PDB file of N, CA and C in Angstrom:
ATOM      1  N   MET A   1      34.698 -20.499  -6.524  1.00  0.00           N
ATOM      2  CA  MET A   1      34.070 -21.755  -6.832  1.00  0.00           C
ATOM      3  C   MET A   1      32.776 -21.527  -7.623  1.00  0.00           C
ATOM      4  N   LEU A   2      31.931 -20.609  -7.144  1.00  0.00           N
ATOM      5  CA  LEU A   2      30.684 -20.346  -7.848  1.00  0.00           C
ATOM      6  C   LEU A   2      30.925 -19.732  -9.219  1.00  0.00           C
ATOM      7  N   THR A   3      31.970 -18.931  -9.330  1.00  0.00           N
ATOM      8  CA  THR A   3      32.260 -18.342 -10.639  1.00  0.00           C
ATOM      9  C   THR A   3      32.689 -19.409 -11.631  1.00  0.00           C
ATOM     10  N   ASP A   4      33.384 -20.452 -11.148  1.00  0.00           N
ATOM     11  CA  ASP A   4      33.781 -21.555 -12.027  1.00  0.00           C
ATOM     12  C   ASP A   4      32.552 -22.289 -12.551  1.00  0.00           C
ATOM     13  N   ILE A   5      31.590 -22.505 -11.671  1.00  0.00           N
ATOM     14  CA  ILE A   5      30.359 -23.201 -12.077  1.00  0.00           C
ATOM     15  C   ILE A   5      29.580 -22.348 -13.071  1.00  0.00           C
ATOM     16  N   ALA A   6      29.462 -21.046 -12.776  1.00  0.00           N
ATOM     17  CA  ALA A   6      28.737 -20.146 -13.673  1.00  0.00           C
ATOM     18  C   ALA A   6      29.438 -20.074 -15.027  1.00  0.00           C
ATOM     19  N   TYR A   7      30.781 -20.049 -15.028  1.00  0.00           N
ATOM     20  CA  TYR A   7      31.530 -20.014 -16.278  1.00  0.00           C
ATOM     21  C   TYR A   7      31.307 -21.291 -17.073  1.00  0.00           C
ATOM     22  N   ALA A   8      31.299 -22.426 -16.384  1.00  0.00           N
ATOM     23  CA  ALA A   8      31.105 -23.713 -17.055  1.00  0.00           C
ATOM     24  C   ALA A   8      29.694 -23.817 -17.629  1.00  0.00           C
ATOM     25  N   MET A   9      28.727 -23.279 -16.921  1.00  0.00           N
ATOM     26  CA  MET A   9      27.358 -23.340 -17.414  1.00  0.00           C
ATOM     27  C   MET A   9      27.147 -22.408 -18.603  1.00  0.00           C
ATOM     28  N   GLY A  10      27.868 -21.316 -18.617  1.00  0.00           N
ATOM     29  CA  GLY A  10      27.685 -20.316 -19.665  1.00  0.00           C
ATOM     30  C   GLY A  10      28.361 -20.646 -20.975  1.00  0.00           C
ATOM     31  N   SER A  11      29.375 -21.435 -20.945  1.00  0.00           N
ATOM     32  CA  SER A  11      30.101 -21.731 -22.181  1.00  0.00           C
ATOM     33  C   SER A  11      29.498 -22.943 -22.876  1.00  0.00           C
ATOM     34  N   SER A  12      29.456 -22.891 -24.182  1.00  0.00           N
ATOM     35  CA  SER A  12      28.933 -24.021 -24.945  1.00  0.00           C
ATOM     36  C   SER A  12      30.108 -24.885 -25.402  1.00  0.00           C
ATOM     37  N   PRO A  13      29.834 -26.156 -25.685  1.00  0.00           N
ATOM     38  CA  PRO A  13      30.909 -27.051 -26.130  1.00  0.00           C
ATOM     39  C   PRO A  13      31.523 -26.541 -27.442  1.00  0.00           C
ATOM     40  N   GLN A  14      32.821 -26.837 -27.627  1.00  0.00           N
ATOM     41  CA  GLN A  14      33.502 -26.413 -28.854  1.00  0.00           C
ATOM     42  C   GLN A  14      32.843 -27.061 -30.058  1.00  0.00           C
ATOM     43  N   GLY A  15      32.543 -26.556 -31.063  1.00  0.00           N
ATOM     44  CA  GLY A  15      32.020 -27.224 -32.238  1.00  0.00           C
ATOM     45  C   GLY A  15      30.529 -27.520 -32.161  1.00  0.00           C
ATOM     46  N   GLY A  16      29.884 -27.427 -31.008  1.00  0.00           N
ATOM     47  CA  GLY A  16      28.453 -27.663 -30.899  1.00  0.00           C
ATOM     48  C   GLY A  16      27.692 -26.376 -31.171  1.00  0.00           C
ATOM     49  N   ALA A  17      26.417 -26.500 -31.336  1.00  0.00           N
ATOM     50  CA  ALA A  17      25.582 -25.313 -31.579  1.00  0.00           C
ATOM     51  C   ALA A  17      25.420 -24.543 -30.258  1.00  0.00           C
ATOM     52  N   GLY A  18      25.313 -23.223 -30.340  1.00  0.00           N
ATOM     53  CA  GLY A  18      25.136 -22.384 -29.161  1.00  0.00           C
ATOM     54  C   GLY A  18      23.737 -22.557 -28.583  1.00  0.00           C
ATOM     55  N   GLN A  19      23.582 -22.129 -27.329  1.00  0.00           N
ATOM     56  CA  GLN A  19      22.278 -22.239 -26.687  1.00  0.00           C
ATOM     57  C   GLN A  19      21.305 -21.263 -27.338  1.00  0.00           C
ATOM     58  N   GLY A  20      20.077 -21.683 -27.482  1.00  0.00           N
ATOM     59  CA  GLY A  20      19.050 -20.820 -28.045  1.00  0.00           C
ATOM     60  C   GLY A  20      18.409 -19.967 -26.951  1.00  0.00           C
ATOM     61  N   GLY A  21      17.846 -18.851 -27.300  1.00  0.00           N
ATOM     62  CA  GLY A  21      17.135 -18.025 -26.336  1.00  0.00           C
ATOM     63  C   GLY A  21      18.010 -16.955 -25.735  1.00  0.00           C
ATOM     64  N   GLY A  22      19.125 -17.342 -25.183  1.00  0.00           N
ATOM     65  CA  GLY A  22      20.089 -16.412 -24.615  1.00  0.00           C
ATOM     66  C   GLY A  22      19.488 -15.462 -23.604  1.00  0.00           C
ATOM     67  N   MET A  23      19.573 -14.195 -23.897  1.00  0.00           N
ATOM     68  CA  MET A  23      19.166 -13.142 -22.969  1.00  0.00           C
ATOM     69  C   MET A  23      17.664 -13.150 -22.732  1.00  0.00           C
ATOM     70  N   ILE A  24      16.876 -13.358 -23.752  1.00  0.00           N
ATOM     71  CA  ILE A  24      15.414 -13.327 -23.602  1.00  0.00           C
ATOM     72  C   ILE A  24      14.935 -14.474 -22.731  1.00  0.00           C
ATOM     73  N   GLY A  25      15.536 -15.629 -22.880  1.00  0.00           N
ATOM     74  CA  GLY A  25      15.161 -16.781 -22.060  1.00  0.00           C
ATOM     75  C   GLY A  25      15.405 -16.561 -20.583  1.00  0.00           C
ATOM     76  N   SER A  26      16.424 -15.793 -20.260  1.00  0.00           N
ATOM     77  CA  SER A  26      16.703 -15.534 -18.853  1.00  0.00           C
ATOM     78  C   SER A  26      15.872 -14.376 -18.300  1.00  0.00           C
ATOM     79  N   LEU A  27      15.317 -13.523 -19.140  1.00  0.00           N
ATOM     80  CA  LEU A  27      14.504 -12.401 -18.687  1.00  0.00           C
ATOM     81  C   LEU A  27      13.041 -12.783 -18.444  1.00  0.00           C
ATOM     82  N   ILE A  28      12.569 -13.817 -19.094  1.00  0.00           N
ATOM     83  CA  ILE A  28      11.162 -14.208 -18.957  1.00  0.00           C
ATOM     84  C   ILE A  28      10.793 -14.516 -17.503  1.00  0.00           C
ATOM     85  N   PRO A  29      11.575 -15.277 -16.744  1.00  0.00           N
ATOM     86  CA  PRO A  29      11.199 -15.507 -15.336  1.00  0.00           C
ATOM     87  C   PRO A  29      11.178 -14.212 -14.510  1.00  0.00           C
ATOM     88  N   LEU A  30      12.108 -13.302 -14.768  1.00  0.00           N
ATOM     89  CA  LEU A  30      12.121 -12.034 -14.040  1.00  0.00           C
ATOM     90  C   LEU A  30      10.878 -11.195 -14.361  1.00  0.00           C
ATOM     91  N   ILE A  31      10.492 -11.157 -15.605  1.00  0.00           N
ATOM     92  CA  ILE A  31       9.289 -10.422 -16.005  1.00  0.00           C
ATOM     93  C   ILE A  31       8.060 -11.055 -15.371  1.00  0.00           C
ATOM     94  N   LEU A  32       8.007 -12.371 -15.366  1.00  0.00           N
ATOM     95  CA  LEU A  32       6.885 -13.080 -14.756  1.00  0.00           C
ATOM     96  C   LEU A  32       6.791 -12.778 -13.258  1.00  0.00           C
ATOM     97  N   ILE A  33       7.908 -12.765 -12.569  1.00  0.00           N
ATOM     98  CA  ILE A  33       7.923 -12.443 -11.130  1.00  0.00           C
ATOM     99  C   ILE A  33       7.440 -11.023 -10.901  1.00  0.00           C
ATOM    100  N   PHE A  34       7.887 -10.075 -11.724  1.00  0.00           N
ATOM    101  CA  PHE A  34       7.449  -8.686 -11.582  1.00  0.00           C
ATOM    102  C   PHE A  34       5.943  -8.559 -11.779  1.00  0.00           C
ATOM    103  N   VAL A  35       5.384  -9.247 -12.771  1.00  0.00           N
ATOM    104  CA  VAL A  35       3.939  -9.201 -13.019  1.00  0.00           C
ATOM    105  C   VAL A  35       3.177  -9.775 -11.827  1.00  0.00           C
ATOM    106  N   ILE A  36       3.649 -10.867 -11.275  1.00  0.00           N
ATOM    107  CA  ILE A  36       2.995 -11.466 -10.103  1.00  0.00           C
ATOM    108  C   ILE A  36       3.042 -10.509  -8.921  1.00  0.00           C
ATOM    109  N   PHE A  37       4.205  -9.898  -8.663  1.00  0.00           N
ATOM    110  CA  PHE A  37       4.310  -8.927  -7.571  1.00  0.00           C
ATOM    111  C   PHE A  37       3.385  -7.749  -7.788  1.00  0.00           C
ATOM    112  N   TYR A  38       3.261  -7.286  -9.021  1.00  0.00           N
ATOM    113  CA  TYR A  38       2.388  -6.146  -9.310  1.00  0.00           C
ATOM    114  C   TYR A  38       0.948  -6.468  -8.939  1.00  0.00           C
ATOM    115  N   PHE A  39       0.451  -7.606  -9.381  1.00  0.00           N
ATOM    116  CA  PHE A  39      -0.951  -7.927  -9.140  1.00  0.00           C
ATOM    117  C   PHE A  39      -1.228  -8.393  -7.709  1.00  0.00           C
ATOM    118  N   LEU A  40      -0.251  -8.943  -7.014  1.00  0.00           N
ATOM    119  CA  LEU A  40      -0.473  -9.409  -5.645  1.00  0.00           C
ATOM    120  C   LEU A  40      -0.140  -8.372  -4.578  1.00  0.00           C
ATOM    121  N   LEU A  41       0.782  -7.454  -4.840  1.00  0.00           N
ATOM    122  CA  LEU A  41       1.218  -6.516  -3.817  1.00  0.00           C
ATOM    123  C   LEU A  41       0.971  -5.051  -4.176  1.00  0.00           C
ATOM    124  N   ILE A  42       1.432  -4.623  -5.314  1.00  0.00           N
ATOM    125  CA  ILE A  42       1.413  -3.201  -5.651  1.00  0.00           C
ATOM    126  C   ILE A  42       0.002  -2.704  -5.944  1.00  0.00           C
ATOM    127  N   ARG A  43      -0.727  -3.388  -6.798  1.00  0.00           N
ATOM    128  CA  ARG A  43      -2.066  -2.924  -7.196  1.00  0.00           C
ATOM    129  C   ARG A  43      -3.051  -2.880  -6.028  1.00  0.00           C
ATOM    130  N   PRO A  44      -3.130  -3.902  -5.178  1.00  0.00           N
ATOM    131  CA  PRO A  44      -4.037  -3.806  -4.032  1.00  0.00           C
ATOM    132  C   PRO A  44      -3.680  -2.649  -3.090  1.00  0.00           C
ATOM    133  N   GLN A  45      -2.387  -2.388  -2.902  1.00  0.00           N
ATOM    134  CA  GLN A  45      -1.977  -1.275  -2.047  1.00  0.00           C
ATOM    135  C   GLN A  45      -2.402   0.054  -2.656  1.00  0.00           C
ATOM    136  N   GLN A  46      -2.315   0.186  -3.971  1.00  0.00           N
ATOM    137  CA  GLN A  46      -2.756   1.412  -4.637  1.00  0.00           C
ATOM    138  C   GLN A  46      -4.261   1.606  -4.465  1.00  0.00           C
ATOM    139  N   LYS A  47      -5.024   0.522  -4.531  1.00  0.00           N
ATOM    140  CA  LYS A  47      -6.477   0.624  -4.337  1.00  0.00           C
ATOM    141  C   LYS A  47      -6.814   1.059  -2.915  1.00  0.00           C
ATOM    142  N   ARG A  48      -6.118   0.489  -1.914  1.00  0.00           N
ATOM    143  CA  ARG A  48      -6.353   0.891  -0.519  1.00  0.00           C
ATOM    144  C   ARG A  48      -5.998   2.352  -0.298  1.00  0.00           C
ATOM    145  N   ALA A  49      -4.889   2.798  -0.881  1.00  0.00           N
ATOM    146  CA  ALA A  49      -4.458   4.192  -0.727  1.00  0.00           C
ATOM    147  C   ALA A  49      -5.469   5.133  -1.374  1.00  0.00           C
ATOM    148  N   LYS A  50      -5.995   4.759  -2.524  1.00  0.00           N
ATOM    149  CA  LYS A  50      -6.984   5.594  -3.206  1.00  0.00           C
ATOM    150  C   LYS A  50      -8.271   5.674  -2.385  1.00  0.00           C
ATOM    151  N   ALA A  51      -8.710   4.558  -1.814  1.00  0.00           N
ATOM    152  CA  ALA A  51      -9.918   4.549  -0.981  1.00  0.00           C
ATOM    153  C   ALA A  51      -9.715   5.405   0.271  1.00  0.00           C
ATOM    154  N   HIS A  52      -8.536   5.341   0.878  1.00  0.00           N
ATOM    155  CA  HIS A  52      -8.244   6.150   2.075  1.00  0.00           C
ATOM    156  C   HIS A  52      -8.226   7.637   1.727  1.00  0.00           C
ATOM    157  N   ARG A  53      -7.610   7.998   0.596  1.00  0.00           N
ATOM    158  CA  ARG A  53      -7.589   9.390   0.145  1.00  0.00           C
ATOM    159  C   ARG A  53      -9.004   9.914  -0.069  1.00  0.00           C
ATOM    160  N   GLN A  54      -9.842   9.092  -0.688  1.00  0.00           N
ATOM    161  CA  GLN A  54     -11.232   9.472  -0.951  1.00  0.00           C
ATOM    162  C   GLN A  54     -11.994   9.647   0.365  1.00  0.00           C
ATOM    163  N   MET A  55     -11.768   8.750   1.333  1.00  0.00           N
ATOM    164  CA  MET A  55     -12.424   8.845   2.627  1.00  0.00           C
ATOM    165  C   MET A  55     -12.025  10.136   3.336  1.00  0.00           C
ATOM    166  N   ILE A  56     -10.752  10.500   3.266  1.00  0.00           N
ATOM    167  CA  ILE A  56     -10.271  11.722   3.906  1.00  0.00           C
ATOM    168  C   ILE A  56     -10.881  12.964   3.256  1.00  0.00           C
ATOM    169  N   GLU A  57     -11.015  12.944   1.945  1.00  0.00           N
ATOM    170  CA  GLU A  57     -11.607  14.085   1.245  1.00  0.00           C
ATOM    171  C   GLU A  57     -13.076  14.269   1.606  1.00  0.00           C
ATOM    172  N   ASN A  58     -13.766  13.195   1.977  1.00  0.00           N
ATOM    173  CA  ASN A  58     -15.202  13.257   2.260  1.00  0.00           C
ATOM    174  C   ASN A  58     -15.531  13.417   3.743  1.00  0.00           C
ATOM    175  N   LEU A  59     -14.524  13.700   4.592  1.00  0.00           N
ATOM    176  CA  LEU A  59     -14.801  13.900   6.015  1.00  0.00           C
ATOM    177  C   LEU A  59     -15.654  15.147   6.213  1.00  0.00           C
ATOM    178  N   LYS A  60     -16.603  15.049   7.138  1.00  0.00           N
ATOM    179  CA  LYS A  60     -17.453  16.202   7.432  1.00  0.00           C
ATOM    180  C   LYS A  60     -17.802  16.219   8.912  1.00  0.00           C
ATOM    181  N   LYS A  61     -18.270  17.356   9.373  1.00  0.00           N
ATOM    182  CA  LYS A  61     -18.625  17.523  10.772  1.00  0.00           C
ATOM    183  C   LYS A  61     -19.712  16.516  11.143  1.00  0.00           C
ATOM    184  N   GLY A  62     -19.557  15.886  12.299  1.00  0.00           N
ATOM    185  CA  GLY A  62     -20.527  14.911  12.781  1.00  0.00           C
ATOM    186  C   GLY A  62     -20.178  13.469  12.473  1.00  0.00           C
ATOM    187  N   ASP A  63     -19.176  13.231  11.614  1.00  0.00           N
ATOM    188  CA  ASP A  63     -18.755  11.858  11.314  1.00  0.00           C
ATOM    189  C   ASP A  63     -18.109  11.226  12.543  1.00  0.00           C
ATOM    190  N   LYS A  64     -18.449   9.975  12.819  1.00  0.00           N
ATOM    191  CA  LYS A  64     -17.781   9.212  13.877  1.00  0.00           C
ATOM    192  C   LYS A  64     -16.564   8.563  13.245  1.00  0.00           C
ATOM    193  N   VAL A  65     -15.400   8.779  13.876  1.00  0.00           N
ATOM    194  CA  VAL A  65     -14.155   8.312  13.284  1.00  0.00           C
ATOM    195  C   VAL A  65     -13.309   7.531  14.292  1.00  0.00           C
ATOM    196  N   ILE A  66     -12.349   6.796  13.735  1.00  0.00           N
ATOM    197  CA  ILE A  66     -11.316   6.115  14.524  1.00  0.00           C
ATOM    198  C   ILE A  66      -9.985   6.611  13.972  1.00  0.00           C
ATOM    199  N   THR A  67      -9.088   7.034  14.851  1.00  0.00           N
ATOM    200  CA  THR A  67      -7.772   7.476  14.404  1.00  0.00           C
ATOM    201  C   THR A  67      -6.834   6.281  14.293  1.00  0.00           C
ATOM    202  N   SER A  68      -5.686   6.512  13.679  1.00  0.00           N
ATOM    203  CA  SER A  68      -4.711   5.430  13.552  1.00  0.00           C
ATOM    204  C   SER A  68      -4.144   5.020  14.907  1.00  0.00           C
ATOM    205  N   GLY A  69      -4.289   5.870  15.923  1.00  0.00           N
ATOM    206  CA  GLY A  69      -3.847   5.529  17.272  1.00  0.00           C
ATOM    207  C   GLY A  69      -4.910   4.811  18.076  1.00  0.00           C
ATOM    208  N   GLY A  70      -6.106   4.620  17.490  1.00  0.00           N
ATOM    209  CA  GLY A  70      -7.167   3.897  18.168  1.00  0.00           C
ATOM    210  C   GLY A  70      -8.118   4.774  18.967  1.00  0.00           C
ATOM    211  N   VAL A  71      -8.067   6.090  18.765  1.00  0.00           N
ATOM    212  CA  VAL A  71      -8.946   7.010  19.483  1.00  0.00           C
ATOM    213  C   VAL A  71     -10.262   7.127  18.725  1.00  0.00           C
ATOM    214  N   TYR A  72     -11.380   6.905  19.456  1.00  0.00           N
ATOM    215  CA  TYR A  72     -12.709   7.043  18.873  1.00  0.00           C
ATOM    216  C   TYR A  72     -13.225   8.443  19.169  1.00  0.00           C
ATOM    217  N   GLY A  73     -13.908   9.038  18.208  1.00  0.00           N
ATOM    218  CA  GLY A  73     -14.466  10.359  18.457  1.00  0.00           C
ATOM    219  C   GLY A  73     -15.394  10.798  17.347  1.00  0.00           C
ATOM    220  N   VAL A  74     -15.874  12.049  17.474  1.00  0.00           N
ATOM    221  CA  VAL A  74     -16.778  12.648  16.503  1.00  0.00           C
ATOM    222  C   VAL A  74     -16.119  13.919  15.984  1.00  0.00           C
ATOM    223  N   ILE A  75     -16.144  14.123  14.683  1.00  0.00           N
ATOM    224  CA  ILE A  75     -15.520  15.300  14.092  1.00  0.00           C
ATOM    225  C   ILE A  75     -16.336  16.545  14.443  1.00  0.00           C
ATOM    226  N   GLU A  76     -15.631  17.549  14.980  1.00  0.00           N
ATOM    227  CA  GLU A  76     -16.246  18.828  15.332  1.00  0.00           C
ATOM    228  C   GLU A  76     -15.987  19.877  14.261  1.00  0.00           C
ATOM    229  N   ALA A  77     -14.793  19.852  13.651  1.00  0.00           N
ATOM    230  CA  ALA A  77     -14.436  20.828  12.618  1.00  0.00           C
ATOM    231  C   ALA A  77     -13.457  20.185  11.642  1.00  0.00           C
ATOM    232  N   VAL A  78     -13.544  20.612  10.388  1.00  0.00           N
ATOM    233  CA  VAL A  78     -12.662  20.095   9.350  1.00  0.00           C
ATOM    234  C   VAL A  78     -11.901  21.272   8.755  1.00  0.00           C
ATOM    235  N   GLY A  79     -10.564  21.203   8.805  1.00  0.00           N
ATOM    236  CA  GLY A  79      -9.722  22.233   8.204  1.00  0.00           C
ATOM    237  C   GLY A  79      -9.106  21.719   6.919  1.00  0.00           C
ATOM    238  N   THR A  80      -8.140  22.452   6.409  1.00  0.00           N
ATOM    239  CA  THR A  80      -7.475  22.049   5.172  1.00  0.00           C
ATOM    240  C   THR A  80      -6.704  20.746   5.348  1.00  0.00           C
ATOM    241  N   ASN A  81      -5.871  20.698   6.380  1.00  0.00           N
ATOM    242  CA  ASN A  81      -5.057  19.507   6.622  1.00  0.00           C
ATOM    243  C   ASN A  81      -5.324  18.877   7.983  1.00  0.00           C
ATOM    244  N   THR A  82      -6.236  19.446   8.759  1.00  0.00           N
ATOM    245  CA  THR A  82      -6.501  18.939  10.103  1.00  0.00           C
ATOM    246  C   THR A  82      -7.993  18.758  10.338  1.00  0.00           C
ATOM    247  N   VAL A  83      -8.300  17.958  11.352  1.00  0.00           N
ATOM    248  CA  VAL A  83      -9.671  17.808  11.825  1.00  0.00           C
ATOM    249  C   VAL A  83      -9.642  17.912  13.345  1.00  0.00           C
ATOM    250  N   THR A  84     -10.687  18.515  13.905  1.00  0.00           N
ATOM    251  CA  THR A  84     -10.829  18.569  15.350  1.00  0.00           C
ATOM    252  C   THR A  84     -11.824  17.499  15.741  1.00  0.00           C
ATOM    253  N   VAL A  85     -11.411  16.599  16.631  1.00  0.00           N
ATOM    254  CA  VAL A  85     -12.216  15.449  17.019  1.00  0.00           C
ATOM    255  C   VAL A  85     -12.594  15.579  18.496  1.00  0.00           C
ATOM    256  N   LYS A  86     -13.874  15.450  18.770  1.00  0.00           N
ATOM    257  CA  LYS A  86     -14.360  15.457  20.151  1.00  0.00           C
ATOM    258  C   LYS A  86     -14.306  14.016  20.644  1.00  0.00           C
ATOM    259  N   ILE A  87     -13.500  13.771  21.700  1.00  0.00           N
ATOM    260  CA  ILE A  87     -13.349  12.405  22.187  1.00  0.00           C
ATOM    261  C   ILE A  87     -14.067  12.184  23.514  1.00  0.00           C
ATOM    262  N   ALA A  88     -14.469  13.268  24.190  1.00  0.00           N
ATOM    263  CA  ALA A  88     -15.232  13.189  25.442  1.00  0.00           C
ATOM    264  C   ALA A  88     -15.852  14.569  25.661  1.00  0.00           C
ATOM    265  N   GLU A  89     -16.691  14.693  26.683  1.00  0.00           N
ATOM    266  CA  GLU A  89     -17.276  15.990  26.996  1.00  0.00           C
ATOM    267  C   GLU A  89     -16.168  16.997  27.280  1.00  0.00           C
ATOM    268  N   ASN A  90     -16.224  18.122  26.619  1.00  0.00           N
ATOM    269  CA  ASN A  90     -15.253  19.213  26.779  1.00  0.00           C
ATOM    270  C   ASN A  90     -13.813  18.810  26.474  1.00  0.00           C
ATOM    271  N   VAL A  91     -13.604  17.749  25.679  1.00  0.00           N
ATOM    272  CA  VAL A  91     -12.259  17.332  25.273  1.00  0.00           C
ATOM    273  C   VAL A  91     -12.231  17.244  23.756  1.00  0.00           C
ATOM    274  N   LYS A  92     -11.494  18.178  23.145  1.00  0.00           N
ATOM    275  CA  LYS A  92     -11.350  18.191  21.686  1.00  0.00           C
ATOM    276  C   LYS A  92      -9.871  18.099  21.353  1.00  0.00           C
ATOM    277  N   VAL A  93      -9.558  17.279  20.377  1.00  0.00           N
ATOM    278  CA  VAL A  93      -8.170  17.063  19.971  1.00  0.00           C
ATOM    279  C   VAL A  93      -8.057  17.322  18.483  1.00  0.00           C
ATOM    280  N   LYS A  94      -6.983  17.984  18.089  1.00  0.00           N
ATOM    281  CA  LYS A  94      -6.753  18.268  16.673  1.00  0.00           C
ATOM    282  C   LYS A  94      -5.807  17.212  16.102  1.00  0.00           C
ATOM    283  N   PHE A  95      -6.214  16.581  14.997  1.00  0.00           N
ATOM    284  CA  PHE A  95      -5.427  15.548  14.320  1.00  0.00           C
ATOM    285  C   PHE A  95      -5.156  15.982  12.883  1.00  0.00           C
ATOM    286  N   GLY A  96      -4.070  15.468  12.318  1.00  0.00           N
ATOM    287  CA  GLY A  96      -3.859  15.594  10.884  1.00  0.00           C
ATOM    288  C   GLY A  96      -4.865  14.690  10.179  1.00  0.00           C
ATOM    289  N   LYS A  97      -5.364  15.122   9.038  1.00  0.00           N
ATOM    290  CA  LYS A  97      -6.374  14.319   8.315  1.00  0.00           C
ATOM    291  C   LYS A  97      -5.871  12.917   7.993  1.00  0.00           C
ATOM    292  N   SER A  98      -4.588  12.797   7.714  1.00  0.00           N
ATOM    293  CA  SER A  98      -4.057  11.490   7.323  1.00  0.00           C
ATOM    294  C   SER A  98      -4.060  10.487   8.470  1.00  0.00           C
ATOM    295  N   TYR A  99      -4.262  10.955   9.712  1.00  0.00           N
ATOM    296  CA  TYR A  99      -4.288  10.058  10.866  1.00  0.00           C
ATOM    297  C   TYR A  99      -5.681   9.530  11.171  1.00  0.00           C
ATOM    298  N   ILE A 100      -6.655   9.884  10.365  1.00  0.00           N
ATOM    299  CA  ILE A 100      -7.990   9.301  10.509  1.00  0.00           C
ATOM    300  C   ILE A 100      -7.957   7.974   9.761  1.00  0.00           C
ATOM    301  N   ALA A 101      -8.153   6.879  10.487  1.00  0.00           N
ATOM    302  CA  ALA A 101      -8.034   5.542   9.897  1.00  0.00           C
ATOM    303  C   ALA A 101      -9.341   5.093   9.249  1.00  0.00           C
ATOM    304  N   ALA A 102     -10.483   5.424   9.878  1.00  0.00           N
ATOM    305  CA  ALA A 102     -11.755   4.943   9.346  1.00  0.00           C
ATOM    306  C   ALA A 102     -12.890   5.822   9.831  1.00  0.00           C
ATOM    307  N   VAL A 103     -13.945   5.829   9.046  1.00  0.00           N
ATOM    308  CA  VAL A 103     -15.190   6.483   9.438  1.00  0.00           C
ATOM    309  C   VAL A 103     -16.138   5.365   9.840  1.00  0.00           C
ATOM    310  N   ARG A 104     -16.670   5.471  11.056  1.00  0.00           N
ATOM    311  CA  ARG A 104     -17.573   4.439  11.562  1.00  0.00           C
ATOM    312  C   ARG A 104     -18.985   4.725  11.093  1.00  0.00           C
ATOM    313  N   ALA A 105     -19.774   3.670  11.008  1.00  0.00           N
ATOM    314  CA  ALA A 105     -21.192   3.819  10.680  1.00  0.00           C
ATOM    315  C   ALA A 105     -21.899   4.443  11.877  1.00  0.00           C
ATOM    316  N   PRO A 106     -22.898   5.299  11.651  1.00  0.00           N
ATOM    317  CA  PRO A 106     -23.598   5.951  12.765  1.00  0.00           C
ATOM    318  C   PRO A 106     -24.236   4.973  13.749  1.00  0.00           C
ATOM    319  N   SER A 107     -24.566   3.785  13.308  1.00  0.00           N
ATOM    320  CA  SER A 107     -25.240   2.815  14.176  1.00  0.00           C
ATOM    321  C   SER A 107     -24.273   2.024  15.062  1.00  0.00           C
ATOM    322  N   GLU A 108     -22.958   2.148  14.824  1.00  0.00           N
ATOM    323  CA  GLU A 108     -21.978   1.385  15.612  1.00  0.00           C
ATOM    324  C   GLU A 108     -21.900   1.903  17.037  1.00  0.00           C
ATOM    325  N   GLU A 109     -21.745   0.969  17.987  1.00  0.00           N
ATOM    326  CA  GLU A 109     -21.596   1.321  19.400  1.00  0.00           C
ATOM    327  C   GLU A 109     -20.184   1.808  19.674  1.00  0.00           C
ATOM    328  N   ASP A 110     -20.008   2.567  20.747  1.00  0.00           N
ATOM    329  CA  ASP A 110     -18.679   3.058  21.137  1.00  0.00           C
ATOM    330  C   ASP A 110     -17.869   1.988  21.775  1.00  0.00           C
TER     331      ASP A 110
END
């Protein structure tokens, strides 16, 4: 049934002039949708990812951090791909750098 409708819409009357625009006219809405998605979804995500990468590169000993699991702590050591976080007296946990969600300001309360 739908193919019959699509076929009827696609064919021009016998003897009449053909539809103008053709392929380009049907691509313009798709291009417009892609541009909207790029500026509303893709570009902001790229900016957040770049800011997170930069934050991870700038981690240093003594920074107060929050992990993606919600653990608050202070960085004790920074390795190539890991950080050691002190979360309580005599409790140190090693995390992958990518699991550090945010660096807290020194003035923030625990």
